[in-house]
C-alpha atoms as a PDB file:
ATOM      1  CA  MET A   1     -25.951  -1.962  39.210  1.00  0.00           C
ATOM      2  CA  ARG A   2     -22.909  -3.605  40.667  1.00  0.00           C
ATOM      3  CA  ILE A   3     -19.753  -4.207  38.586  1.00  0.00           C
ATOM      4  CA  SER A   4     -17.478  -6.968  39.669  1.00  0.00           C
ATOM      5  CA  ARG A   5     -13.848  -6.201  40.473  1.00  0.00           C
ATOM      6  CA  PHE A   6     -12.749  -8.676  37.818  1.00  0.00           C
ATOM      7  CA  ARG A   7     -14.786  -6.923  35.129  1.00  0.00           C
ATOM      8  CA  LEU A   8     -13.567  -3.489  36.263  1.00  0.00           C
ATOM      9  CA  SER A   9      -9.928  -4.606  36.205  1.00  0.00           C
ATOM     10  CA  ARG A  10     -10.385  -5.751  32.602  1.00  0.00           C
ATOM     11  CA  LEU A  11     -11.727  -2.325  31.569  1.00  0.00           C
ATOM     12  CA  ALA A  12      -9.009  -0.311  33.345  1.00  0.00           C
ATOM     13  CA  PRO A  13      -6.355  -0.688  30.582  1.00  0.00           C
ATOM     14  CA  LEU A  14      -8.842   0.508  27.945  1.00  0.00           C
ATOM     15  CA  GLY A  15      -9.718   3.550  30.038  1.00  0.00           C
ATOM     16  CA  THR A  16      -6.052   4.345  30.562  1.00  0.00           C
ATOM     17  CA  LEU A  17      -5.407   4.057  26.827  1.00  0.00           C
ATOM     18  CA  LEU A  18      -8.214   6.487  26.039  1.00  0.00           C
ATOM     19  CA  LEU A  19      -6.934   8.996  28.626  1.00  0.00           C
ATOM     20  CA  VAL A  20      -3.394   8.789  27.285  1.00  0.00           C
ATOM     21  CA  MET A  21      -4.603   9.217  23.692  1.00  0.00           C
ATOM     22  CA  GLY A  22      -6.489  12.408  24.482  1.00  0.00           C
ATOM     23  CA  CYS A  23      -8.420  13.973  21.642  1.00  0.00           C
ATOM     24  CA  SER A  24      -5.883  13.487  18.894  1.00  0.00           C
ATOM     25  CA  SER A  25      -2.633  11.599  18.976  1.00  0.00           C
ATOM     26  CA  ARG A  26      -0.213   9.506  16.964  1.00  0.00           C
ATOM     27  CA  ILE A  27      -1.055   5.845  17.357  1.00  0.00           C
ATOM     28  CA  VAL A  28       0.722   2.666  16.417  1.00  0.00           C
ATOM     29  CA  ILE A  29      -2.338   0.714  15.360  1.00  0.00           C
ATOM     30  CA  CYS A  30      -3.314   2.467  12.134  1.00  0.00           C
ATOM     31  CA  PRO A  31      -5.212   1.288   9.085  1.00  0.00           C
ATOM     32  CA  VAL A  32      -3.165  -1.704   7.984  1.00  0.00           C
ATOM     33  CA  PRO A  33      -0.839  -0.999   5.020  1.00  0.00           C
ATOM     34  CA  ALA A  34      -0.743  -3.881   2.538  1.00  0.00           C
ATOM     35  CA  ILE A  35       0.302  -4.821  -0.986  1.00  0.00           C
ATOM     36  CA  LEU A  36      -2.133  -6.837  -3.090  1.00  0.00           C
ATOM     37  CA  ALA A  37      -0.093  -9.876  -4.166  1.00  0.00           C
ATOM     38  CA  ASP A  38      -1.797 -10.167  -7.570  1.00  0.00           C
ATOM     39  CA  THR A  39      -0.733  -6.626  -8.506  1.00  0.00           C
ATOM     40  CA  LYS A  40       2.603  -6.246  -6.713  1.00  0.00           C
ATOM     41  CA  GLN A  41       4.772  -6.711  -9.812  1.00  0.00           C
ATOM     42  CA  LEU A  42       4.474  -5.276 -13.306  1.00  0.00           C
ATOM     43  CA  THR A  43       6.451  -6.372 -16.352  1.00  0.00           C
ATOM     44  CA  VAL A  44       6.679  -4.102 -19.402  1.00  0.00           C
ATOM     45  CA  PHE A  45       7.803  -5.505 -22.771  1.00  0.00           C
ATOM     46  CA  ARG A  46       9.650  -3.932 -25.676  1.00  0.00           C
ATOM     47  CA  PRO A  47       7.122  -2.268 -27.994  1.00  0.00           C
ATOM     48  CA  GLY A  48       5.734  -4.554 -30.688  1.00  0.00           C
ATOM     49  CA  THR A  49       6.971  -7.780 -29.083  1.00  0.00           C
ATOM     50  CA  PRO A  50       4.925 -10.601 -27.566  1.00  0.00           C
ATOM     51  CA  PRO A  51       4.887 -11.068 -23.779  1.00  0.00           C
ATOM     52  CA  ASP A  52       7.888 -13.321 -23.317  1.00  0.00           C
ATOM     53  CA  LEU A  53      10.810 -13.349 -20.872  1.00  0.00           C
ATOM     54  CA  ALA A  54      13.232 -12.512 -23.704  1.00  0.00           C
ATOM     55  CA  ASN A  55      11.228  -9.374 -24.582  1.00  0.00           C
ATOM     56  CA  GLU A  56      11.094  -7.793 -21.122  1.00  0.00           C
ATOM     57  CA  LEU A  57      12.011  -4.109 -21.137  1.00  0.00           C
ATOM     58  CA  TYR A  58      11.832  -3.760 -17.349  1.00  0.00           C
ATOM     59  CA  THR A  59      10.071  -5.114 -14.285  1.00  0.00           C
ATOM     60  CA  VAL A  60       8.970  -3.011 -11.341  1.00  0.00           C
ATOM     61  CA  ALA A  61       7.816  -4.417  -8.011  1.00  0.00           C
ATOM     62  CA  LEU A  62       6.095  -2.872  -5.017  1.00  0.00           C
ATOM     63  CA  THR A  63       8.166  -4.275  -2.152  1.00  0.00           C
ATOM     64  CA  ASP A  64       7.131  -2.420   1.011  1.00  0.00           C
ATOM     65  CA  ALA A  65       4.251  -0.383   2.412  1.00  0.00           C
ATOM     66  CA  GLN A  66       4.590   1.548   5.678  1.00  0.00           C
ATOM     67  CA  GLY A  67       1.721   3.481   7.217  1.00  0.00           C
ATOM     68  CA  ASP A  68       1.299   6.127   9.875  1.00  0.00           C
ATOM     69  CA  CYS A  69      -1.732   7.958  11.221  1.00  0.00           C
ATOM     70  CA  THR A  70      -3.324  10.209  13.781  1.00  0.00           C
ATOM     71  CA  TYR A  71      -6.715   9.449  15.257  1.00  0.00           C
ATOM     72  CA  SER A  72      -9.136  12.041  16.583  1.00  0.00           C
ATOM     73  CA  THR A  73     -11.507  10.463  19.093  1.00  0.00           C
ATOM     74  CA  ARG A  74     -13.491  13.711  19.120  1.00  0.00           C
ATOM     75  CA  ASP A  75     -14.765  13.403  15.539  1.00  0.00           C
ATOM     76  CA  GLY A  76     -13.846   9.788  14.700  1.00  0.00           C
ATOM     77  CA  MET A  77     -11.416  10.797  11.952  1.00  0.00           C
ATOM     78  CA  VAL A  78      -8.184   9.024  11.079  1.00  0.00           C
ATOM     79  CA  HIS A  79      -5.583  10.923   9.053  1.00  0.00           C
ATOM     80  CA  SER A  80      -3.445   8.254   7.361  1.00  0.00           C
ATOM     81  CA  SER A  81      -0.232   8.445   5.402  1.00  0.00           C
ATOM     82  CA  LEU A  82       1.568   5.787   3.416  1.00  0.00           C
ATOM     83  CA  GLU A  83       5.131   5.351   2.138  1.00  0.00           C
ATOM     84  CA  LEU A  84       5.697   2.838  -0.637  1.00  0.00           C
ATOM     85  CA  THR A  85       8.980   1.312  -1.806  1.00  0.00           C
ATOM     86  CA  PHE A  86       9.382   0.152  -5.400  1.00  0.00           C
ATOM     87  CA  ILE A  87      12.290  -1.673  -7.028  1.00  0.00           C
ATOM     88  CA  ALA A  88      12.698  -1.549 -10.809  1.00  0.00           C
ATOM     89  CA  ALA A  89      15.044  -3.838 -12.735  1.00  0.00           C
ATOM     90  CA  ARG A  90      16.244  -4.071 -16.319  1.00  0.00           C
ATOM     91  CA  THR A  91      19.115  -5.418 -18.333  1.00  0.00           C
ATOM     92  CA  PRO A  92      21.892  -2.822 -17.971  1.00  0.00           C
ATOM     93  CA  THR A  93      22.486  -0.612 -20.992  1.00  0.00           C
ATOM     94  CA  ALA A  94      24.619   2.466 -21.582  1.00  0.00           C
ATOM     95  CA  GLU A  95      21.616   4.756 -21.910  1.00  0.00           C
ATOM     96  CA  THR A  96      19.751   6.787 -19.333  1.00  0.00           C
ATOM     97  CA  VAL A  97      16.064   6.065 -19.595  1.00  0.00           C
ATOM     98  CA  SER A  98      12.936   7.116 -17.699  1.00  0.00           C
ATOM     99  CA  TYR A  99       9.617   5.320 -17.352  1.00  0.00           C
ATOM    100  CA  SER A 100       6.271   5.797 -15.664  1.00  0.00           C
ATOM    101  CA  VAL A 101       3.698   3.249 -14.558  1.00  0.00           C
ATOM    102  CA  PRO A 102       0.264   3.583 -12.923  1.00  0.00           C
ATOM    103  CA  TYR A 103      -0.442   2.320  -9.406  1.00  0.00           C
ATOM    104  CA  TYR A 104      -3.333   2.615  -6.987  1.00  0.00           C
ATOM    105  CA  VAL A 105      -4.028   2.986  -3.301  1.00  0.00           C
ATOM    106  CA  ALA A 106      -7.418   1.826  -2.018  1.00  0.00           C
ATOM    107  CA  ILE A 107      -8.911   2.155   1.453  1.00  0.00           C
ATOM    108  CA  HIS A 108     -11.218  -0.706   2.301  1.00  0.00           C
ATOM    109  CA  GLU A 109     -12.816  -2.742   5.035  1.00  0.00           C
ATOM    110  CA  ASN A 110     -13.373  -6.336   3.974  1.00  0.00           C
ATOM    111  CA  GLU A 111     -15.157  -6.199   0.598  1.00  0.00           C
ATOM    112  CA  LYS A 112     -16.253  -2.540   0.908  1.00  0.00           C
ATOM    113  CA  VAL A 113     -13.929  -0.101  -0.889  1.00  0.00           C
ATOM    114  CA  PHE A 114     -14.234   3.464   0.418  1.00  0.00           C
ATOM    115  CA  VAL A 115     -11.814   5.184  -1.928  1.00  0.00           C
ATOM    116  CA  LYS A 116      -9.418   4.193  -4.713  1.00  0.00           C
ATOM    117  CA  ARG A 117      -6.896   6.696  -6.046  1.00  0.00           C
ATOM    118  CA  LEU A 118      -4.654   6.305  -9.071  1.00  0.00           C
ATOM    119  CA  TYR A 119      -1.069   7.611  -9.109  1.00  0.00           C
ATOM    120  CA  THR A 120       1.874   7.577 -11.476  1.00  0.00           C
ATOM    121  CA  LEU A 121       5.250   6.211 -10.445  1.00  0.00           C
ATOM    122  CA  ARG A 122       8.075   7.894 -12.371  1.00  0.00           C
ATOM    123  CA  PHE A 123      11.581   6.473 -12.257  1.00  0.00           C
ATOM    124  CA  SER A 124      14.859   6.458 -14.178  1.00  0.00           C
ATOM    125  CA  PHE A 125      17.777   4.147 -14.743  1.00  0.00           C
ATOM    126  CA  ALA A 126      21.242   5.714 -14.813  1.00  0.00           C
ATOM    127  CA  PRO A 127      23.669   4.639 -17.569  1.00  0.00           C
ATOM    128  CA  GLY A 128      24.746   1.062 -16.916  1.00  0.00           C
ATOM    129  CA  ALA A 129      22.355   0.674 -13.956  1.00  0.00           C
ATOM    130  CA  ALA A 130      20.256  -2.456 -13.719  1.00  0.00           C
ATOM    131  CA  VAL A 131      18.257  -1.535 -10.596  1.00  0.00           C
ATOM    132  CA  ALA A 132      16.473   1.559  -9.324  1.00  0.00           C
ATOM    133  CA  THR A 133      14.872   1.910  -5.886  1.00  0.00           C
ATOM    134  CA  ILE A 134      12.080   4.445  -5.557  1.00  0.00           C
ATOM    135  CA  LYS A 135      10.240   5.624  -2.446  1.00  0.00           C
ATOM    136  CA  GLN A 136       6.978   7.439  -2.907  1.00  0.00           C
ATOM    137  CA  ALA A 137       4.368   8.810  -0.529  1.00  0.00           C
ATOM    138  CA  PRO A 138       0.938   9.117  -2.148  1.00  0.00           C
ATOM    139  CA  ASP A 139      -1.556  11.687  -0.853  1.00  0.00           C
ATOM    140  CA  ASP A 140      -2.655  11.342   2.761  1.00  0.00           C
ATOM    141  CA  VAL A 141      -6.167  10.012   3.308  1.00  0.00           C
ATOM    142  CA  ASP A 142      -8.780  10.961   5.886  1.00  0.00           C
ATOM    143  CA  ILE A 143     -11.100   8.172   6.994  1.00  0.00           C
ATOM    144  CA  LYS A 144     -14.318   8.823   8.894  1.00  0.00           C
ATOM    145  CA  LEU A 145     -14.723   5.798  11.140  1.00  0.00           C
ATOM    146  CA  ALA A 146     -18.103   4.098  11.166  1.00  0.00           C
ATOM    147  CA  ASN A 147     -19.737   3.619  14.575  1.00  0.00           C
ATOM    148  CA  GLY A 148     -18.003   0.877  16.524  1.00  0.00           C
ATOM    149  CA  LYS A 149     -15.005   0.768  14.157  1.00  0.00           C
ATOM    150  CA  LEU A 150     -11.390   1.471  15.028  1.00  0.00           C
ATOM    151  CA  PRO A 151      -8.506   2.496  12.724  1.00  0.00           C
ATOM    152  CA  TRP A 152      -7.122  -1.040  12.424  1.00  0.00           C
ATOM    153  CA  ASN A 153     -10.469  -2.278  11.021  1.00  0.00           C
ATOM    154  CA  TYR A 154      -9.464  -0.618   7.733  1.00  0.00           C
ATOM    155  CA  GLN A 155      -6.726  -1.462   5.252  1.00  0.00           C
ATOM    156  CA  MET A 156      -4.654   0.713   2.911  1.00  0.00           C
ATOM    157  CA  MET A 157      -4.072  -1.559  -0.095  1.00  0.00           C
ATOM    158  CA  ALA A 158      -1.587  -0.697  -2.876  1.00  0.00           C
ATOM    159  CA  GLY A 159      -0.641  -2.291  -6.185  1.00  0.00           C
ATOM    160  CA  PHE A 160      -0.090  -1.613  -9.870  1.00  0.00           C
ATOM    161  CA  GLN A 161      -3.026  -0.654 -12.082  1.00  0.00           C
ATOM    162  CA  MET A 162      -2.758  -3.422 -14.671  1.00  0.00           C
ATOM    163  CA  THR A 163      -4.447  -4.481 -17.896  1.00  0.00           C
ATOM    164  CA  PRO A 164      -6.009  -7.968 -18.143  1.00  0.00           C
ATOM    165  CA  ALA A 165      -3.041  -9.067 -20.315  1.00  0.00           C
ATOM    166  CA  GLN A 166      -0.550  -7.857 -17.703  1.00  0.00           C
ATOM    167  CA  ILE A 167      -2.431  -9.718 -14.972  1.00  0.00           C
ATOM    168  CA  GLU A 168      -2.393 -12.911 -17.050  1.00  0.00           C
ATOM    169  CA  TYR A 169       1.367 -12.625 -17.624  1.00  0.00           C
ATOM    170  CA  THR A 170       1.945 -12.012 -13.899  1.00  0.00           C
ATOM    171  CA  LYS A 171       0.087 -15.225 -13.122  1.00  0.00           C
ATOM    172  CA  THR A 172       2.752 -17.154 -15.073  1.00  0.00           C
ATOM    173  CA  ARG A 173       5.470 -15.730 -12.826  1.00  0.00           C
ATOM    174  CA  ALA A 174       6.643 -15.897  -9.218  1.00  0.00           C
ATOM    175  CA  ARG A 175       4.060 -17.135  -6.736  1.00  0.00           C
ATOM    176  CA  TYR A 176       1.773 -18.607  -9.413  1.00  0.00           C
ATOM    177  CA  VAL A 177       4.296 -21.086 -10.781  1.00  0.00           C
ATOM    178  CA  PRO A 178       3.593 -24.595  -9.354  1.00  0.00           C
END
């Protein structure tokens, strides 16, 4: 069988990439880190009060997701890590206070979810502070690639684990307002 020069020249960069990668190496095209817009912000209200702007105790938002990985071509495994950045805000008070909220990280490809893990974000406000920035790295995840798939075919999705009432309130805020 004869391969044209044009076709061979198109395959050369792929071959070079595979040689450079070796059996296991750090790559820049990892499973895509993302934040699910519908669950990127969580508002918590003062106990016993209705969900209203005047009753907000604090709001916490997931603002950034950065991923990294190594890919073993030998066994088709991707070892992925994720660093998340959260920003919490409240009305400043003289007291130090700590909170915790649940969030998730899910690995998926299109509509197929391979794994979903729940975590707890713990954070504190110093006396008089109105904002707290928190960085957290959930557990690393190993992904066994399906035949014909590459690391960037998968997505690492993060967001807050919310109740139906919290989701409904979020829909009245930010991007949902006409």
